[in-house]
Amino acid sequence: MRTSRAVPTSLGISEVAARRVAERAAREGTNCTALVERLIQEGVDQLDHPGIVFRGPMNNRRAALAAGPAVWEVVARLRELDGPVERRIAVLSAKSDLNAGRIRVAVAYARAHGPEILDRIMRNRQAADAFVRAGVGPTAAAAGPGTLDGPVRS
């Protein structure tokens, strides 16, 4: 999630909306300002990228395809493939239950939020590598750092 300097803002919202925000913020253990900021950022991203939703707790939100995997997972799989982006999209579509249009939605979101997505891929790889070193679970997926469009070179 992006962070920047706070800008003083005055928003007038209904009592019902204010109550709902306060109740939700309390359930999430946060404050109203943080919740409203998250809702605005995610709402604008959803308007900009139809088909994207957000999942997870407040401290670990991630963009995902509606009724599909997280964006970082789609990008990580694409990065495992070689060739031009459209060819990789076709291959991934053929190997999964995602149609090419949904994959393109994930790619468009990832291009607009590259550092966030690449950071998530890198953190997942580090966690998987730690499990492998500890002798737990399968080998780590090759999803190393780099550009969104480039293949993995581990």
C-alpha atoms as a PDB file:
ATOM      1  CA  MET A   1       0.000   0.000   0.000  1.00  0.00           C
ATOM      2  CA  ARG A   2       1.342   3.430  -0.868  1.00  0.00           C
ATOM      3  CA  THR A   3       2.214   5.894   1.846  1.00  0.00           C
ATOM      4  CA  SER A   4       2.776   9.621   1.622  1.00  0.00           C
ATOM      5  CA  ARG A   5       2.465  12.831   3.568  1.00  0.00           C
ATOM      6  CA  ALA A   6      -0.975  13.409   5.074  1.00  0.00           C
ATOM      7  CA  VAL A   7      -2.964  16.243   3.511  1.00  0.00           C
ATOM      8  CA  PRO A   8      -5.576  17.913   5.741  1.00  0.00           C
ATOM      9  CA  THR A   9      -8.968  17.125   4.238  1.00  0.00           C
ATOM     10  CA  SER A  10     -12.525  17.764   5.232  1.00  0.00           C
ATOM     11  CA  LEU A  11     -15.100  15.229   4.121  1.00  0.00           C
ATOM     12  CA  GLY A  12     -18.754  15.384   5.004  1.00  0.00           C
ATOM     13  CA  ILE A  13     -20.309  11.944   5.232  1.00  0.00           C
ATOM     14  CA  SER A  14     -23.646  10.789   6.540  1.00  0.00           C
ATOM     15  CA  GLU A  15     -24.111   9.696  10.132  1.00  0.00           C
ATOM     16  CA  VAL A  16     -24.834   6.181   8.917  1.00  0.00           C
ATOM     17  CA  ALA A  17     -21.584   6.044   6.930  1.00  0.00           C
ATOM     18  CA  ALA A  18     -19.607   7.542   9.825  1.00  0.00           C
ATOM     19  CA  ARG A  19     -21.048   4.960  12.214  1.00  0.00           C
ATOM     20  CA  ARG A  20     -20.292   2.091   9.850  1.00  0.00           C
ATOM     21  CA  VAL A  21     -16.706   3.294   9.359  1.00  0.00           C
ATOM     22  CA  ALA A  22     -16.211   3.661  13.120  1.00  0.00           C
ATOM     23  CA  GLU A  23     -17.635   0.186  13.793  1.00  0.00           C
ATOM     24  CA  ARG A  24     -15.512  -1.413  11.090  1.00  0.00           C
ATOM     25  CA  ALA A  25     -12.372   0.412  12.225  1.00  0.00           C
ATOM     26  CA  ALA A  26     -12.972  -0.821  15.773  1.00  0.00           C
ATOM     27  CA  ARG A  27     -13.399  -4.425  14.547  1.00  0.00           C
ATOM     28  CA  GLU A  28     -10.139  -4.153  12.611  1.00  0.00           C
ATOM     29  CA  GLY A  29      -8.312  -2.516  15.492  1.00  0.00           C
ATOM     30  CA  THR A  30      -7.499   0.633  13.547  1.00  0.00           C
ATOM     31  CA  ASN A  31      -8.716   4.213  13.401  1.00  0.00           C
ATOM     32  CA  CYS A  32     -11.274   5.770  11.084  1.00  0.00           C
ATOM     33  CA  THR A  33      -8.710   7.811   9.152  1.00  0.00           C
ATOM     34  CA  ALA A  34      -6.595   4.753   8.294  1.00  0.00           C
ATOM     35  CA  LEU A  35      -9.664   2.774   7.268  1.00  0.00           C
ATOM     36  CA  VAL A  36     -11.073   5.566   5.088  1.00  0.00           C
ATOM     37  CA  GLU A  37      -7.682   6.044   3.413  1.00  0.00           C
ATOM     38  CA  ARG A  38      -7.459   2.316   2.648  1.00  0.00           C
ATOM     39  CA  LEU A  39     -11.019   2.289   1.304  1.00  0.00           C
ATOM     40  CA  ILE A  40     -10.315   5.267  -0.939  1.00  0.00           C
ATOM     41  CA  GLN A  41      -7.070   3.832  -2.315  1.00  0.00           C
ATOM     42  CA  GLU A  42      -8.550   0.396  -2.897  1.00  0.00           C
ATOM     43  CA  GLY A  43     -11.766   1.845  -4.312  1.00  0.00           C
ATOM     44  CA  VAL A  44      -9.898   3.981  -6.832  1.00  0.00           C
ATOM     45  CA  ASP A  45      -7.705   1.013  -7.779  1.00  0.00           C
ATOM     46  CA  GLN A  46     -10.839  -1.089  -8.313  1.00  0.00           C
ATOM     47  CA  LEU A  47     -12.330   1.623 -10.525  1.00  0.00           C
ATOM     48  CA  ASP A  48      -9.058   1.890 -12.466  1.00  0.00           C
ATOM     49  CA  HIS A  49      -8.701  -1.908 -12.762  1.00  0.00           C
ATOM     50  CA  PRO A  50     -12.113  -3.607 -13.040  1.00  0.00           C
ATOM     51  CA  GLY A  51     -11.808  -7.214 -11.912  1.00  0.00           C
ATOM     52  CA  ILE A  52      -9.370  -6.448  -9.084  1.00  0.00           C
ATOM     53  CA  VAL A  53     -10.403  -6.932  -5.457  1.00  0.00           C
ATOM     54  CA  PHE A  54      -8.442  -6.695  -2.212  1.00  0.00           C
ATOM     55  CA  ARG A  55      -8.058  -9.443   0.356  1.00  0.00           C
ATOM     56  CA  GLY A  56      -6.434  -9.970   3.689  1.00  0.00           C
ATOM     57  CA  PRO A  57      -6.194  -8.204   7.011  1.00  0.00           C
ATOM     58  CA  MET A  58      -5.395  -4.516   7.247  1.00  0.00           C
ATOM     59  CA  ASN A  59      -1.687  -5.174   7.787  1.00  0.00           C
ATOM     60  CA  ASN A  60      -1.421  -7.567   4.849  1.00  0.00           C
ATOM     61  CA  ARG A  61      -3.750  -6.408   2.060  1.00  0.00           C
ATOM     62  CA  ARG A  62      -3.127  -7.741  -1.415  1.00  0.00           C
ATOM     63  CA  ALA A  63      -4.658  -7.192  -4.800  1.00  0.00           C
ATOM     64  CA  ALA A  64      -6.295 -10.224  -6.380  1.00  0.00           C
ATOM     65  CA  LEU A  65      -8.456 -11.183  -9.290  1.00  0.00           C
ATOM     66  CA  ALA A  66     -12.122 -11.452  -8.347  1.00  0.00           C
ATOM     67  CA  ALA A  67     -12.718 -15.188  -7.768  1.00  0.00           C
ATOM     68  CA  GLY A  68      -9.074 -15.810  -8.598  1.00  0.00           C
ATOM     69  CA  PRO A  69      -5.542 -15.739  -7.287  1.00  0.00           C
ATOM     70  CA  ALA A  70      -3.605 -12.783  -5.969  1.00  0.00           C
ATOM     71  CA  VAL A  71      -2.036 -10.533  -8.613  1.00  0.00           C
ATOM     72  CA  TRP A  72       1.466 -11.311  -7.361  1.00  0.00           C
ATOM     73  CA  GLU A  73       0.813 -15.032  -7.916  1.00  0.00           C
ATOM     74  CA  VAL A  74      -0.228 -14.459 -11.532  1.00  0.00           C
ATOM     75  CA  VAL A  75       2.811 -12.270 -12.181  1.00  0.00           C
ATOM     76  CA  ALA A  76       5.140 -14.776 -10.494  1.00  0.00           C
ATOM     77  CA  ARG A  77       3.837 -17.561 -12.758  1.00  0.00           C
ATOM     78  CA  LEU A  78       4.216 -15.351 -15.854  1.00  0.00           C
ATOM     79  CA  ARG A  79       7.794 -14.558 -14.873  1.00  0.00           C
ATOM     80  CA  GLU A  80       8.583 -18.286 -14.830  1.00  0.00           C
ATOM     81  CA  LEU A  81       7.799 -18.478 -18.544  1.00  0.00           C
ATOM     82  CA  ASP A  82       9.936 -17.352 -21.473  1.00  0.00           C
ATOM     83  CA  GLY A  83       9.012 -15.233 -24.446  1.00  0.00           C
ATOM     84  CA  PRO A  84       6.990 -12.108 -25.115  1.00  0.00           C
ATOM     85  CA  VAL A  85       4.305 -11.190 -22.604  1.00  0.00           C
ATOM     86  CA  GLU A  86       1.384 -12.151 -24.868  1.00  0.00           C
ATOM     87  CA  ARG A  87       2.900 -15.593 -25.490  1.00  0.00           C
ATOM     88  CA  ARG A  88       3.388 -16.108 -21.746  1.00  0.00           C
ATOM     89  CA  ILE A  89      -0.216 -15.037 -21.131  1.00  0.00           C
ATOM     90  CA  ALA A  90      -1.416 -17.611 -23.678  1.00  0.00           C
ATOM     91  CA  VAL A  91       0.698 -20.362 -22.102  1.00  0.00           C
ATOM     92  CA  LEU A  92      -0.460 -19.534 -18.572  1.00  0.00           C
ATOM     93  CA  SER A  93      -4.067 -19.419 -19.723  1.00  0.00           C
ATOM     94  CA  ALA A  94      -3.707 -22.849 -21.317  1.00  0.00           C
ATOM     95  CA  LYS A  95      -2.106 -24.282 -18.160  1.00  0.00           C
ATOM     96  CA  SER A  96      -4.587 -22.794 -15.687  1.00  0.00           C
ATOM     97  CA  ASP A  97      -8.250 -21.959 -15.258  1.00  0.00           C
ATOM     98  CA  LEU A  98      -7.546 -18.250 -15.909  1.00  0.00           C
ATOM     99  CA  ASN A  99      -8.573 -16.848 -19.239  1.00  0.00           C
ATOM    100  CA  ALA A 100      -6.211 -14.469 -21.000  1.00  0.00           C
ATOM    101  CA  GLY A 101      -8.415 -11.450 -20.251  1.00  0.00           C
ATOM    102  CA  ARG A 102      -8.214 -12.039 -16.501  1.00  0.00           C
ATOM    103  CA  ILE A 103      -4.446 -12.481 -16.722  1.00  0.00           C
ATOM    104  CA  ARG A 104      -4.218  -9.159 -18.586  1.00  0.00           C
ATOM    105  CA  VAL A 105      -6.180  -7.480 -15.760  1.00  0.00           C
ATOM    106  CA  ALA A 106      -3.567  -8.750 -13.288  1.00  0.00           C
ATOM    107  CA  VAL A 107      -0.728  -7.587 -15.551  1.00  0.00           C
ATOM    108  CA  ALA A 108      -2.255  -4.118 -15.934  1.00  0.00           C
ATOM    109  CA  TYR A 109      -2.610  -3.767 -12.161  1.00  0.00           C
ATOM    110  CA  ALA A 110       0.940  -5.033 -11.648  1.00  0.00           C
ATOM    111  CA  ARG A 111       2.337  -2.536 -14.145  1.00  0.00           C
ATOM    112  CA  ALA A 112       0.626   0.291 -12.258  1.00  0.00           C
ATOM    113  CA  HIS A 113       1.879  -1.033  -8.895  1.00  0.00           C
ATOM    114  CA  GLY A 114       5.174  -2.683  -9.859  1.00  0.00           C
ATOM    115  CA  PRO A 115       7.210  -2.174  -6.681  1.00  0.00           C
ATOM    116  CA  GLU A 116       4.362  -3.457  -4.486  1.00  0.00           C
ATOM    117  CA  ILE A 117       3.915  -6.604  -6.592  1.00  0.00           C
ATOM    118  CA  LEU A 118       7.636  -7.317  -6.975  1.00  0.00           C
ATOM    119  CA  ASP A 119       8.104  -6.879  -3.218  1.00  0.00           C
ATOM    120  CA  ARG A 120       5.319  -9.399  -2.545  1.00  0.00           C
ATOM    121  CA  ILE A 121       6.907 -11.891  -4.986  1.00  0.00           C
ATOM    122  CA  MET A 122      10.312 -11.458  -3.339  1.00  0.00           C
ATOM    123  CA  ARG A 123       8.909 -11.843   0.198  1.00  0.00           C
ATOM    124  CA  ASN A 124       7.061 -15.006  -0.822  1.00  0.00           C
ATOM    125  CA  ARG A 125      10.193 -16.451  -2.369  1.00  0.00           C
ATOM    126  CA  GLN A 126      12.210 -15.670   0.749  1.00  0.00           C
ATOM    127  CA  ALA A 127       9.588 -17.366   2.919  1.00  0.00           C
ATOM    128  CA  ALA A 128       9.518 -20.417   0.643  1.00  0.00           C
ATOM    129  CA  ASP A 129      13.334 -20.586   0.665  1.00  0.00           C
ATOM    130  CA  ALA A 130      13.305 -20.453   4.481  1.00  0.00           C
ATOM    131  CA  PHE A 131      10.900 -23.407   4.580  1.00  0.00           C
ATOM    132  CA  VAL A 132      13.119 -25.363   2.192  1.00  0.00           C
ATOM    133  CA  ARG A 133      16.215 -24.611   4.304  1.00  0.00           C
ATOM    134  CA  ALA A 134      14.273 -25.798   7.365  1.00  0.00           C
ATOM    135  CA  GLY A 135      13.322 -28.996   5.536  1.00  0.00           C
ATOM    136  CA  VAL A 136       9.618 -28.151   5.419  1.00  0.00           C
ATOM    137  CA  GLY A 137       7.457 -28.255   2.289  1.00  0.00           C
ATOM    138  CA  PRO A 138       8.219 -28.325  -1.444  1.00  0.00           C
ATOM    139  CA  THR A 139      11.045 -26.509  -3.155  1.00  0.00           C
ATOM    140  CA  ALA A 140      10.630 -22.753  -3.593  1.00  0.00           C
ATOM    141  CA  ALA A 141       9.075 -21.439  -6.795  1.00  0.00           C
ATOM    142  CA  ALA A 142      11.452 -19.511  -9.032  1.00  0.00           C
ATOM    143  CA  ALA A 143      10.061 -16.014  -8.618  1.00  0.00           C
ATOM    144  CA  GLY A 144      13.121 -13.851  -8.161  1.00  0.00           C
ATOM    145  CA  PRO A 145      13.395 -10.099  -8.274  1.00  0.00           C
ATOM    146  CA  GLY A 146      13.452  -8.209 -11.542  1.00  0.00           C
ATOM    147  CA  THR A 147      11.028  -6.572 -13.870  1.00  0.00           C
ATOM    148  CA  LEU A 148       7.392  -7.553 -14.170  1.00  0.00           C
ATOM    149  CA  ASP A 149       7.815  -8.512 -17.807  1.00  0.00           C
ATOM    150  CA  GLY A 150      11.113 -10.368 -17.591  1.00  0.00           C
ATOM    151  CA  PRO A 151      11.588 -14.081 -17.091  1.00  0.00           C
ATOM    152  CA  VAL A 152      13.137 -15.305 -13.871  1.00  0.00           C
ATOM    153  CA  ARG A 153      16.884 -15.755 -13.901  1.00  0.00           C
ATOM    154  CA  SER A 154      17.653 -17.465 -10.577  1.00  0.00           C
END
